[in-house]
PDB file of N, CA and C in Angstrom:
ATOM      1  N   MET A   1     117.553 103.423 165.891  1.00  0.00           N
ATOM      2  CA  MET A   1     117.813 103.282 164.487  1.00  0.00           C
ATOM      3  C   MET A   1     118.164 101.824 164.181  1.00  0.00           C
ATOM      4  N   GLU A   2     117.541 101.291 163.152  1.00  0.00           N
ATOM      5  CA  GLU A   2     117.772  99.899 162.762  1.00  0.00           C
ATOM      6  C   GLU A   2     119.070  99.774 161.973  1.00  0.00           C
ATOM      7  N   ALA A   3     119.823  98.727 162.239  1.00  0.00           N
ATOM      8  CA  ALA A   3     121.077  98.486 161.524  1.00  0.00           C
ATOM      9  C   ALA A   3     120.785  98.041 160.095  1.00  0.00           C
ATOM     10  N   VAL A   4     121.564  98.556 159.163  1.00  0.00           N
ATOM     11  CA  VAL A   4     121.422  98.210 157.756  1.00  0.00           C
ATOM     12  C   VAL A   4     122.807  97.888 157.191  1.00  0.00           C
ATOM     13  N   LEU A   5     122.924  96.744 156.560  1.00  0.00           N
ATOM     14  CA  LEU A   5     124.155  96.398 155.865  1.00  0.00           C
ATOM     15  C   LEU A   5     124.158  97.152 154.543  1.00  0.00           C
ATOM     16  N   THR A   6     125.182  97.964 154.324  1.00  0.00           N
ATOM     17  CA  THR A   6     125.297  98.716 153.083  1.00  0.00           C
ATOM     18  C   THR A   6     126.404  98.113 152.238  1.00  0.00           C
ATOM     19  N   ILE A   7     126.051  97.744 151.021  1.00  0.00           N
ATOM     20  CA  ILE A   7     127.012  97.188 150.077  1.00  0.00           C
ATOM     21  C   ILE A   7     127.157  98.214 148.963  1.00  0.00           C
ATOM     22  N   SER A   8     128.373  98.689 148.760  1.00  0.00           N
ATOM     23  CA  SER A   8     128.578  99.688 147.710  1.00  0.00           C
ATOM     24  C   SER A   8     129.473  99.133 146.614  1.00  0.00           C
ATOM     25  N   THR A   9     129.293  99.676 145.413  1.00  0.00           N
ATOM     26  CA  THR A   9     130.065  99.215 144.272  1.00  0.00           C
ATOM     27  C   THR A   9     130.235 100.324 143.249  1.00  0.00           C
ATOM     28  N   THR A  10     131.277 100.197 142.461  1.00  0.00           N
ATOM     29  CA  THR A  10     131.496 101.092 141.332  1.00  0.00           C
ATOM     30  C   THR A  10     131.661 100.307 140.035  1.00  0.00           C
ATOM     31  N   TRP A  11     131.605  98.975 140.111  1.00  0.00           N
ATOM     32  CA  TRP A  11     131.804  98.151 138.915  1.00  0.00           C
ATOM     33  C   TRP A  11     130.585  98.215 138.018  1.00  0.00           C
ATOM     34  N   GLY A  12     130.811  98.411 136.730  1.00  0.00           N
ATOM     35  CA  GLY A  12     129.728  98.501 135.760  1.00  0.00           C
ATOM     36  C   GLY A  12     129.784  97.385 134.742  1.00  0.00           C
ATOM     37  N   THR A  13     129.296  97.668 133.568  1.00  0.00           N
ATOM     38  CA  THR A  13     129.136  96.662 132.525  1.00  0.00           C
ATOM     39  C   THR A  13     130.450  96.158 131.941  1.00  0.00           C
ATOM     40  N   THR A  14     131.556  96.849 132.186  1.00  0.00           N
ATOM     41  CA  THR A  14     132.832  96.388 131.636  1.00  0.00           C
ATOM     42  C   THR A  14     133.334  95.110 132.304  1.00  0.00           C
ATOM     43  N   ASP A  15     132.837  94.829 133.509  1.00  0.00           N
ATOM     44  CA  ASP A  15     133.175  93.570 134.190  1.00  0.00           C
ATOM     45  C   ASP A  15     131.896  93.002 134.785  1.00  0.00           C
ATOM     46  N   PRO A  16     131.139  92.251 133.979  1.00  0.00           N
ATOM     47  CA  PRO A  16     129.831  91.756 134.412  1.00  0.00           C
ATOM     48  C   PRO A  16     129.860  90.913 135.681  1.00  0.00           C
ATOM     49  N   THR A  17     130.919  90.138 135.883  1.00  0.00           N
ATOM     50  CA  THR A  17     130.990  89.310 137.085  1.00  0.00           C
ATOM     51  C   THR A  17     131.091  90.190 138.324  1.00  0.00           C
ATOM     52  N   LYS A  18     132.015  91.127 138.326  1.00  0.00           N
ATOM     53  CA  LYS A  18     132.167  92.018 139.471  1.00  0.00           C
ATOM     54  C   LYS A  18     130.944  92.914 139.647  1.00  0.00           C
ATOM     55  N   ALA A  19     130.285  93.257 138.558  1.00  0.00           N
ATOM     56  CA  ALA A  19     129.104  94.118 138.639  1.00  0.00           C
ATOM     57  C   ALA A  19     127.946  93.437 139.359  1.00  0.00           C
ATOM     58  N   THR A  20     127.814  92.131 139.204  1.00  0.00           N
ATOM     59  CA  THR A  20     126.681  91.429 139.807  1.00  0.00           C
ATOM     60  C   THR A  20     126.921  90.977 141.245  1.00  0.00           C
ATOM     61  N   ILE A  21     128.173  90.849 141.642  1.00  0.00           N
ATOM     62  CA  ILE A  21     128.490  90.314 142.970  1.00  0.00           C
ATOM     63  C   ILE A  21     127.810  91.078 144.109  1.00  0.00           C
ATOM     64  N   PRO A  22     127.798  92.404 144.123  1.00  0.00           N
ATOM     65  CA  PRO A  22     127.124  93.102 145.224  1.00  0.00           C
ATOM     66  C   PRO A  22     125.640  92.742 145.349  1.00  0.00           C
ATOM     67  N   PHE A  23     125.001  92.510 144.228  1.00  0.00           N
ATOM     68  CA  PHE A  23     123.588  92.146 144.254  1.00  0.00           C
ATOM     69  C   PHE A  23     123.383  90.727 144.772  1.00  0.00           C
ATOM     70  N   HIS A  24     124.327  89.837 144.471  1.00  0.00           N
ATOM     71  CA  HIS A  24     124.266  88.473 145.020  1.00  0.00           C
ATOM     72  C   HIS A  24     124.489  88.506 146.526  1.00  0.00           C
ATOM     73  N   LEU A  25     125.426  89.326 146.975  1.00  0.00           N
ATOM     74  CA  LEU A  25     125.652  89.471 148.416  1.00  0.00           C
ATOM     75  C   LEU A  25     124.414  90.029 149.110  1.00  0.00           C
ATOM     76  N   ALA A  26     123.786  91.000 148.487  1.00  0.00           N
ATOM     77  CA  ALA A  26     122.577  91.591 149.069  1.00  0.00           C
ATOM     78  C   ALA A  26     121.453  90.558 149.146  1.00  0.00           C
ATOM     79  N   ARG A  27     121.317  89.746 148.099  1.00  0.00           N
ATOM     80  CA  ARG A  27     120.279  88.703 148.117  1.00  0.00           C
ATOM     81  C   ARG A  27     120.526  87.727 149.258  1.00  0.00           C
ATOM     82  N   GLY A  28     121.773  87.289 149.413  1.00  0.00           N
ATOM     83  CA  GLY A  28     122.107  86.366 150.497  1.00  0.00           C
ATOM     84  C   GLY A  28     121.845  86.964 151.864  1.00  0.00           C
ATOM     85  N   ALA A  29     122.195  88.236 152.030  1.00  0.00           N
ATOM     86  CA  ALA A  29     121.956  88.904 153.306  1.00  0.00           C
ATOM     87  C   ALA A  29     120.464  88.986 153.598  1.00  0.00           C
ATOM     88  N   LYS A  30     119.692  89.351 152.598  1.00  0.00           N
ATOM     89  CA  LYS A  30     118.239  89.461 152.784  1.00  0.00           C
ATOM     90  C   LYS A  30     117.646  88.099 153.134  1.00  0.00           C
ATOM     91  N   GLN A  31     118.090  87.062 152.452  1.00  0.00           N
ATOM     92  CA  GLN A  31     117.595  85.715 152.728  1.00  0.00           C
ATOM     93  C   GLN A  31     117.969  85.259 154.133  1.00  0.00           C
ATOM     94  N   ALA A  32     119.046  85.811 154.685  1.00  0.00           N
ATOM     95  CA  ALA A  32     119.475  85.486 156.051  1.00  0.00           C
ATOM     96  C   ALA A  32     118.802  86.379 157.091  1.00  0.00           C
ATOM     97  N   GLY A  33     117.926  87.268 156.626  1.00  0.00           N
ATOM     98  CA  GLY A  33     117.185  88.114 157.545  1.00  0.00           C
ATOM     99  C   GLY A  33     117.856  89.437 157.889  1.00  0.00           C
ATOM    100  N   VAL A  34     118.861  89.807 157.131  1.00  0.00           N
ATOM    101  CA  VAL A  34     119.585  91.056 157.367  1.00  0.00           C
ATOM    102  C   VAL A  34     118.956  92.175 156.543  1.00  0.00           C
ATOM    103  N   ASN A  35     118.763  93.337 157.155  1.00  0.00           N
ATOM    104  CA  ASN A  35     118.293  94.501 156.430  1.00  0.00           C
ATOM    105  C   ASN A  35     119.472  95.028 155.612  1.00  0.00           C
ATOM    106  N   VAL A  36     119.301  95.158 154.304  1.00  0.00           N
ATOM    107  CA  VAL A  36     120.424  95.457 153.413  1.00  0.00           C
ATOM    108  C   VAL A  36     120.020  96.469 152.352  1.00  0.00           C
ATOM    109  N   ARG A  37     121.018  97.219 151.867  1.00  0.00           N
ATOM    110  CA  ARG A  37     120.815  98.125 150.740  1.00  0.00           C
ATOM    111  C   ARG A  37     122.073  98.099 149.887  1.00  0.00           C
ATOM    112  N   VAL A  38     121.909  98.496 148.617  1.00  0.00           N
ATOM    113  CA  VAL A  38     123.025  98.548 147.684  1.00  0.00           C
ATOM    114  C   VAL A  38     123.189  99.997 147.240  1.00  0.00           C
ATOM    115  N   VAL A  39     124.428 100.478 147.268  1.00  0.00           N
ATOM    116  CA  VAL A  39     124.734 101.832 146.833  1.00  0.00           C
ATOM    117  C   VAL A  39     125.579 101.743 145.564  1.00  0.00           C
ATOM    118  N   LEU A  40     125.097 102.380 144.510  1.00  0.00           N
ATOM    119  CA  LEU A  40     125.796 102.385 143.227  1.00  0.00           C
ATOM    120  C   LEU A  40     126.461 103.739 143.016  1.00  0.00           C
ATOM    121  N   ALA A  41     127.711 103.713 142.570  1.00  0.00           N
ATOM    122  CA  ALA A  41     128.433 104.946 142.269  1.00  0.00           C
ATOM    123  C   ALA A  41     129.250 104.730 141.000  1.00  0.00           C
ATOM    124  N   GLY A  42     129.603 105.805 140.348  1.00  0.00           N
ATOM    125  CA  GLY A  42     130.432 105.710 139.150  1.00  0.00           C
ATOM    126  C   GLY A  42     129.800 104.856 138.067  1.00  0.00           C
ATOM    127  N   ASP A  43     130.599 103.959 137.493  1.00  0.00           N
ATOM    128  CA  ASP A  43     130.143 103.130 136.376  1.00  0.00           C
ATOM    129  C   ASP A  43     128.970 102.225 136.727  1.00  0.00           C
ATOM    130  N   SER A  44     128.834 101.853 137.986  1.00  0.00           N
ATOM    131  CA  SER A  44     127.762 100.920 138.374  1.00  0.00           C
ATOM    132  C   SER A  44     126.367 101.530 138.227  1.00  0.00           C
ATOM    133  N   THR A  45     126.261 102.846 138.135  1.00  0.00           N
ATOM    134  CA  THR A  45     124.940 103.467 137.999  1.00  0.00           C
ATOM    135  C   THR A  45     124.266 103.080 136.684  1.00  0.00           C
ATOM    136  N   ASP A  46     125.046 102.706 135.692  1.00  0.00           N
ATOM    137  CA  ASP A  46     124.467 102.272 134.410  1.00  0.00           C
ATOM    138  C   ASP A  46     123.679 100.981 134.546  1.00  0.00           C
ATOM    139  N   LEU A  47     123.964 100.185 135.568  1.00  0.00           N
ATOM    140  CA  LEU A  47     123.340  98.870 135.713  1.00  0.00           C
ATOM    141  C   LEU A  47     121.823  98.932 135.858  1.00  0.00           C
ATOM    142  N   ILE A  48     121.299 100.033 136.361  1.00  0.00           N
ATOM    143  CA  ILE A  48     119.853 100.097 136.565  1.00  0.00           C
ATOM    144  C   ILE A  48     119.136 100.890 135.478  1.00  0.00           C
ATOM    145  N   ARG A  49     119.855 101.238 134.422  1.00  0.00           N
ATOM    146  CA  ARG A  49     119.210 101.883 133.279  1.00  0.00           C
ATOM    147  C   ARG A  49     118.362 100.848 132.544  1.00  0.00           C
ATOM    148  N   THR A  50     117.283 101.311 131.973  1.00  0.00           N
ATOM    149  CA  THR A  50     116.375 100.428 131.246  1.00  0.00           C
ATOM    150  C   THR A  50     117.131  99.639 130.177  1.00  0.00           C
ATOM    151  N   GLY A  51     116.977  98.325 130.210  1.00  0.00           N
ATOM    152  CA  GLY A  51     117.560  97.442 129.212  1.00  0.00           C
ATOM    153  C   GLY A  51     118.987  96.996 129.471  1.00  0.00           C
ATOM    154  N   VAL A  52     119.693  97.628 130.370  1.00  0.00           N
ATOM    155  CA  VAL A  52     121.099  97.288 130.596  1.00  0.00           C
ATOM    156  C   VAL A  52     121.238  95.970 131.345  1.00  0.00           C
ATOM    157  N   ALA A  53     120.446  95.759 132.376  1.00  0.00           N
ATOM    158  CA  ALA A  53     120.576  94.550 133.206  1.00  0.00           C
ATOM    159  C   ALA A  53     120.476  93.271 132.370  1.00  0.00           C
ATOM    160  N   GLY A  54     119.677  93.295 131.335  1.00  0.00           N
ATOM    161  CA  GLY A  54     119.521  92.122 130.487  1.00  0.00           C
ATOM    162  C   GLY A  54     120.769  91.759 129.708  1.00  0.00           C
ATOM    163  N   THR A  55     121.730  92.670 129.648  1.00  0.00           N
ATOM    164  CA  THR A  55     122.960  92.416 128.904  1.00  0.00           C
ATOM    165  C   THR A  55     124.122  92.026 129.817  1.00  0.00           C
ATOM    166  N   VAL A  56     123.892  91.998 131.127  1.00  0.00           N
ATOM    167  CA  VAL A  56     124.964  91.744 132.084  1.00  0.00           C
ATOM    168  C   VAL A  56     124.863  90.307 132.601  1.00  0.00           C
ATOM    169  N   HIS A  57     125.807  89.475 132.167  1.00  0.00           N
ATOM    170  CA  HIS A  57     125.849  88.062 132.549  1.00  0.00           C
ATOM    171  C   HIS A  57     127.268  87.729 132.991  1.00  0.00           C
ATOM    172  N   GLY A  58     127.502  87.667 134.287  1.00  0.00           N
ATOM    173  CA  GLY A  58     128.819  87.329 134.811  1.00  0.00           C
ATOM    174  C   GLY A  58     129.110  85.842 134.655  1.00  0.00           C
ATOM    175  N   LYS A  59     130.361  85.488 134.807  1.00  0.00           N
ATOM    176  CA  LYS A  59     130.774  84.079 134.703  1.00  0.00           C
ATOM    177  C   LYS A  59     130.482  83.355 136.012  1.00  0.00           C
ATOM    178  N   GLY A  60     129.754  82.273 135.918  1.00  0.00           N
ATOM    179  CA  GLY A  60     129.499  81.433 137.083  1.00  0.00           C
ATOM    180  C   GLY A  60     128.459  81.974 138.055  1.00  0.00           C
ATOM    181  N   VAL A  61     127.749  83.028 137.678  1.00  0.00           N
ATOM    182  CA  VAL A  61     126.707  83.609 138.536  1.00  0.00           C
ATOM    183  C   VAL A  61     125.450  83.837 137.704  1.00  0.00           C
ATOM    184  N   PRO A  62     124.287  83.837 138.349  1.00  0.00           N
ATOM    185  CA  PRO A  62     123.052  84.118 137.610  1.00  0.00           C
ATOM    186  C   PRO A  62     123.103  85.524 136.997  1.00  0.00           C
ATOM    187  N   PRO A  63     122.325  85.767 135.960  1.00  0.00           N
ATOM    188  CA  PRO A  63     122.320  87.078 135.313  1.00  0.00           C
ATOM    189  C   PRO A  63     121.842  88.176 136.259  1.00  0.00           C
ATOM    190  N   LEU A  64     122.275  89.390 135.971  1.00  0.00           N
ATOM    191  CA  LEU A  64     121.912  90.533 136.801  1.00  0.00           C
ATOM    192  C   LEU A  64     120.402  90.696 136.907  1.00  0.00           C
ATOM    193  N   THR A  65     119.669  90.425 135.844  1.00  0.00           N
ATOM    194  CA  THR A  65     118.212  90.598 135.901  1.00  0.00           C
ATOM    195  C   THR A  65     117.592  89.770 137.015  1.00  0.00           C
ATOM    196  N   GLU A  66     118.124  88.583 137.239  1.00  0.00           N
ATOM    197  CA  GLU A  66     117.576  87.704 138.281  1.00  0.00           C
ATOM    198  C   GLU A  66     117.729  88.313 139.674  1.00  0.00           C
ATOM    199  N   VAL A  67     118.916  88.828 139.976  1.00  0.00           N
ATOM    200  CA  VAL A  67     119.128  89.379 141.316  1.00  0.00           C
ATOM    201  C   VAL A  67     118.502  90.767 141.466  1.00  0.00           C
ATOM    202  N   LEU A  68     118.398  91.513 140.372  1.00  0.00           N
ATOM    203  CA  LEU A  68     117.691  92.800 140.439  1.00  0.00           C
ATOM    204  C   LEU A  68     116.207  92.584 140.701  1.00  0.00           C
ATOM    205  N   ASP A  69     115.631  91.589 140.052  1.00  0.00           N
ATOM    206  CA  ASP A  69     114.227  91.262 140.306  1.00  0.00           C
ATOM    207  C   ASP A  69     114.020  90.881 141.768  1.00  0.00           C
ATOM    208  N   PHE A  70     114.945  90.074 142.301  1.00  0.00           N
ATOM    209  CA  PHE A  70     114.859  89.698 143.713  1.00  0.00           C
ATOM    210  C   PHE A  70     114.915  90.940 144.596  1.00  0.00           C
ATOM    211  N   ALA A  71     115.828  91.848 144.280  1.00  0.00           N
ATOM    212  CA  ALA A  71     115.979  93.073 145.077  1.00  0.00           C
ATOM    213  C   ALA A  71     114.681  93.882 145.067  1.00  0.00           C
ATOM    214  N   ARG A  72     114.083  94.032 143.914  1.00  0.00           N
ATOM    215  CA  ARG A  72     112.837  94.791 143.814  1.00  0.00           C
ATOM    216  C   ARG A  72     111.706  94.100 144.577  1.00  0.00           C
ATOM    217  N   GLU A  73     111.573  92.802 144.384  1.00  0.00           N
ATOM    218  CA  GLU A  73     110.497  92.053 145.020  1.00  0.00           C
ATOM    219  C   GLU A  73     110.636  92.032 146.534  1.00  0.00           C
ATOM    220  N   ASN A  74     111.847  92.127 147.037  1.00  0.00           N
ATOM    221  CA  ASN A  74     112.098  92.044 148.476  1.00  0.00           C
ATOM    222  C   ASN A  74     112.469  93.381 149.106  1.00  0.00           C
ATOM    223  N   LYS A  75     112.205  94.430 148.359  1.00  0.00           N
ATOM    224  CA  LYS A  75     112.389  95.803 148.863  1.00  0.00           C
ATOM    225  C   LYS A  75     113.801  96.085 149.378  1.00  0.00           C
ATOM    226  N   ILE A  76     114.798  95.582 148.638  1.00  0.00           N
ATOM    227  CA  ILE A  76     116.175  95.942 148.932  1.00  0.00           C
ATOM    228  C   ILE A  76     116.414  97.306 148.284  1.00  0.00           C
ATOM    229  N   GLY A  77     116.789  98.264 149.080  1.00  0.00           N
ATOM    230  CA  GLY A  77     117.021  99.603 148.558  1.00  0.00           C
ATOM    231  C   GLY A  77     118.227  99.645 147.650  1.00  0.00           C
ATOM    232  N   ILE A  78     118.053 100.287 146.494  1.00  0.00           N
ATOM    233  CA  ILE A  78     119.156 100.518 145.570  1.00  0.00           C
ATOM    234  C   ILE A  78     119.295 102.024 145.451  1.00  0.00           C
ATOM    235  N   HIS A  79     120.430 102.522 145.889  1.00  0.00           N
ATOM    236  CA  HIS A  79     120.664 103.973 145.941  1.00  0.00           C
ATOM    237  C   HIS A  79     121.751 104.359 144.951  1.00  0.00           C
ATOM    238  N   VAL A  80     121.516 105.462 144.266  1.00  0.00           N
ATOM    239  CA  VAL A  80     122.480 105.960 143.278  1.00  0.00           C
ATOM    240  C   VAL A  80     123.039 107.272 143.762  1.00  0.00           C
TER     241      VAL A  80
END
């Protein structure tokens, strides 16, 4: 069985900075060659609803749409 780094979160749209951090961590892990997935629970499940990602802009980090696009393009699993 291949090792997979699992990053889980419950932060949703009420705190955009905390909501995007798991996706930034996943992007960094993938860029470093680590097999990674993101698990969403609770409020964070709203982040992947149509149109929501475009409204999530944390302070000092790229918008959620940017890292979600990276996740999709690089086959990072997002589990709800």
